[in-house]
Amino acid sequence: MKQVTKDMIIREVLELDPGCAEFLLRIGMHCLGCPSASGESLEMACAVHGADVDKLVKDLNEYLEDK
C-alpha cells in the first residue's frame, strides 16, 4: 500500500497519486508545479502555510487506502 509521511517531498506525494493535489490545494498549497514542490517536504510546506501536517498526512493516507 502507498503511504505518505510528513518528510516526503511534495512532488513524491503527487507521484503516488495525482488526486493528492486536491488535499494540498485545500490548505493553500497552490504552487504545486513550482520549484519548492520538488524540494520541500510536506512538513516544511505545512509550516509555511500554517497547516497541521499530521492531519494532512492522515487525510492523504485515508484517501490512498481507498484506492
N, C-alpha and C. Protein backbone atom coordinates (compact mmCIF):
# COMPACT_ATOMS: atom_id res chain seq x y z
N MET A 1 0.83 -1.19 0.00
CA MET A 1 0.00 0.00 0.00
C MET A 1 0.88 1.26 0.00
N LYS A 2 0.44 2.25 -0.72
CA LYS A 2 1.13 3.53 -0.76
C LYS A 2 0.91 4.25 0.56
N GLN A 3 1.97 4.85 1.10
CA GLN A 3 1.88 5.58 2.36
C GLN A 3 2.58 6.91 2.24
N VAL A 4 1.94 7.94 2.77
CA VAL A 4 2.52 9.28 2.80
C VAL A 4 3.11 9.50 4.19
N THR A 5 4.28 10.13 4.23
CA THR A 5 4.89 10.53 5.50
C THR A 5 5.16 12.03 5.44
N LYS A 6 5.30 12.64 6.60
CA LYS A 6 5.48 14.10 6.62
C LYS A 6 6.83 14.55 6.09
N ASP A 7 7.77 13.63 5.97
CA ASP A 7 9.08 14.02 5.43
C ASP A 7 9.18 13.82 3.92
N MET A 8 8.09 13.37 3.29
CA MET A 8 8.08 13.21 1.83
C MET A 8 8.07 14.56 1.14
N ILE A 9 8.74 14.64 0.01
CA ILE A 9 8.75 15.83 -0.82
C ILE A 9 7.38 15.92 -1.51
N ILE A 10 6.87 17.12 -1.68
CA ILE A 10 5.55 17.31 -2.28
C ILE A 10 5.45 16.57 -3.62
N ARG A 11 6.46 16.69 -4.45
CA ARG A 11 6.45 16.01 -5.75
C ARG A 11 6.26 14.50 -5.60
N GLU A 12 6.89 13.90 -4.58
CA GLU A 12 6.76 12.46 -4.34
C GLU A 12 5.32 12.09 -4.02
N VAL A 13 4.67 12.93 -3.25
CA VAL A 13 3.27 12.68 -2.88
C VAL A 13 2.40 12.72 -4.14
N LEU A 14 2.63 13.71 -4.98
CA LEU A 14 1.86 13.84 -6.22
C LEU A 14 2.12 12.68 -7.17
N GLU A 15 3.32 12.15 -7.15
CA GLU A 15 3.65 11.00 -7.99
C GLU A 15 2.95 9.73 -7.50
N LEU A 16 2.71 9.63 -6.19
CA LEU A 16 1.97 8.48 -5.66
C LEU A 16 0.58 8.43 -6.27
N ASP A 17 -0.08 9.60 -6.30
CA ASP A 17 -1.43 9.69 -6.85
C ASP A 17 -1.72 11.17 -7.11
N PRO A 18 -1.97 11.53 -8.35
CA PRO A 18 -2.25 12.94 -8.67
C PRO A 18 -3.46 13.50 -7.92
N GLY A 19 -4.35 12.64 -7.47
CA GLY A 19 -5.52 13.07 -6.71
C GLY A 19 -5.15 13.71 -5.38
N CYS A 20 -3.93 13.49 -4.92
CA CYS A 20 -3.47 14.11 -3.67
C CYS A 20 -3.40 15.63 -3.80
N ALA A 21 -3.31 16.13 -5.01
CA ALA A 21 -3.22 17.57 -5.23
C ALA A 21 -4.41 18.30 -4.62
N GLU A 22 -5.58 17.70 -4.69
CA GLU A 22 -6.78 18.33 -4.12
C GLU A 22 -6.60 18.66 -2.64
N PHE A 23 -6.00 17.76 -1.89
CA PHE A 23 -5.78 17.97 -0.46
C PHE A 23 -4.80 19.12 -0.21
N LEU A 24 -3.79 19.19 -1.04
CA LEU A 24 -2.78 20.23 -0.90
C LEU A 24 -3.36 21.60 -1.29
N LEU A 25 -4.15 21.62 -2.34
CA LEU A 25 -4.78 22.87 -2.77
C LEU A 25 -5.72 23.41 -1.70
N ARG A 26 -6.43 22.52 -1.03
CA ARG A 26 -7.38 22.93 0.02
C ARG A 26 -6.73 23.67 1.17
N ILE A 27 -5.46 23.38 1.44
CA ILE A 27 -4.79 24.06 2.56
C ILE A 27 -3.90 25.20 2.10
N GLY A 28 -4.07 25.59 0.83
CA GLY A 28 -3.38 26.78 0.34
C GLY A 28 -2.10 26.54 -0.42
N MET A 29 -1.77 25.29 -0.70
CA MET A 29 -0.56 24.99 -1.48
C MET A 29 -0.94 25.03 -2.96
N HIS A 30 -0.94 26.22 -3.52
CA HIS A 30 -1.37 26.39 -4.91
C HIS A 30 -0.24 26.32 -5.91
N CYS A 31 0.97 26.24 -5.46
CA CYS A 31 2.13 26.26 -6.35
C CYS A 31 2.73 24.86 -6.46
N LEU A 32 1.91 23.90 -6.86
CA LEU A 32 2.36 22.50 -6.87
C LEU A 32 3.37 22.21 -7.97
N GLY A 33 3.46 23.08 -8.97
CA GLY A 33 4.42 22.87 -10.04
C GLY A 33 5.68 23.73 -9.90
N CYS A 34 5.76 24.51 -8.84
CA CYS A 34 6.91 25.40 -8.66
C CYS A 34 8.11 24.63 -8.12
N PRO A 35 9.29 25.23 -8.16
CA PRO A 35 10.49 24.55 -7.67
C PRO A 35 10.39 24.07 -6.22
N SER A 36 9.64 24.77 -5.40
CA SER A 36 9.50 24.33 -4.00
C SER A 36 8.88 22.95 -3.90
N ALA A 37 8.00 22.61 -4.82
CA ALA A 37 7.35 21.31 -4.80
C ALA A 37 8.34 20.17 -5.02
N SER A 38 9.48 20.49 -5.60
CA SER A 38 10.49 19.46 -5.84
C SER A 38 11.55 19.42 -4.75
N GLY A 39 11.47 20.31 -3.78
CA GLY A 39 12.49 20.32 -2.74
C GLY A 39 11.97 20.52 -1.34
N GLU A 40 10.67 20.68 -1.21
CA GLU A 40 10.10 20.98 0.11
C GLU A 40 9.29 19.78 0.60
N SER A 41 9.50 19.42 1.85
CA SER A 41 8.74 18.31 2.42
C SER A 41 7.34 18.79 2.79
N LEU A 42 6.44 17.84 3.00
CA LEU A 42 5.10 18.19 3.46
C LEU A 42 5.17 18.97 4.77
N GLU A 43 6.05 18.53 5.67
CA GLU A 43 6.18 19.19 6.96
C GLU A 43 6.62 20.65 6.80
N MET A 44 7.58 20.89 5.94
CA MET A 44 8.06 22.25 5.71
C MET A 44 6.95 23.11 5.08
N ALA A 45 6.26 22.55 4.09
CA ALA A 45 5.21 23.29 3.41
C ALA A 45 4.05 23.60 4.35
N CYS A 46 3.71 22.66 5.20
CA CYS A 46 2.63 22.90 6.17
C CYS A 46 3.01 24.00 7.15
N ALA A 47 4.26 24.04 7.55
CA ALA A 47 4.73 25.09 8.46
C ALA A 47 4.57 26.46 7.81
N VAL A 48 4.91 26.56 6.53
CA VAL A 48 4.81 27.81 5.80
C VAL A 48 3.35 28.23 5.63
N HIS A 49 2.48 27.25 5.42
CA HIS A 49 1.07 27.54 5.15
C HIS A 49 0.18 27.48 6.39
N GLY A 50 0.79 27.24 7.54
CA GLY A 50 0.02 27.21 8.78
C GLY A 50 -0.96 26.05 8.86
N ALA A 51 -0.59 24.93 8.26
CA ALA A 51 -1.47 23.76 8.24
C ALA A 51 -0.92 22.68 9.18
N ASP A 52 -1.81 21.82 9.63
CA ASP A 52 -1.46 20.70 10.52
C ASP A 52 -0.96 19.53 9.68
N VAL A 53 0.34 19.28 9.70
CA VAL A 53 0.92 18.24 8.87
C VAL A 53 0.41 16.86 9.25
N ASP A 54 0.18 16.61 10.52
CA ASP A 54 -0.30 15.29 10.95
C ASP A 54 -1.69 15.01 10.40
N LYS A 55 -2.55 16.03 10.40
CA LYS A 55 -3.90 15.87 9.84
C LYS A 55 -3.82 15.65 8.33
N LEU A 56 -2.96 16.41 7.65
CA LEU A 56 -2.80 16.25 6.21
C LEU A 56 -2.33 14.84 5.87
N VAL A 57 -1.33 14.35 6.57
CA VAL A 57 -0.81 13.00 6.32
C VAL A 57 -1.90 11.97 6.56
N LYS A 58 -2.66 12.14 7.63
CA LYS A 58 -3.77 11.22 7.94
C LYS A 58 -4.79 11.23 6.81
N ASP A 59 -5.19 12.42 6.37
CA ASP A 59 -6.19 12.55 5.31
C ASP A 59 -5.68 11.94 4.00
N LEU A 60 -4.43 12.19 3.66
CA LEU A 60 -3.86 11.65 2.43
C LEU A 60 -3.80 10.12 2.48
N ASN A 61 -3.39 9.58 3.62
CA ASN A 61 -3.30 8.12 3.74
C ASN A 61 -4.67 7.46 3.71
N GLU A 62 -5.68 8.11 4.28
CA GLU A 62 -7.04 7.59 4.20
C GLU A 62 -7.53 7.59 2.76
N TYR A 63 -7.21 8.66 2.04
CA TYR A 63 -7.57 8.74 0.62
C TYR A 63 -6.90 7.61 -0.17
N LEU A 64 -5.61 7.42 0.06
CA LEU A 64 -4.87 6.39 -0.67
C LEU A 64 -5.33 4.98 -0.31
N GLU A 65 -5.78 4.80 0.92
CA GLU A 65 -6.30 3.49 1.37
C GLU A 65 -7.48 3.05 0.52
N ASP A 66 -8.29 4.01 0.13
CA ASP A 66 -9.50 3.72 -0.64
C ASP A 66 -9.23 3.49 -2.11
N LYS A 67 -7.99 3.62 -2.53
CA LYS A 67 -7.63 3.45 -3.94
C LYS A 67 -7.47 1.99 -4.27
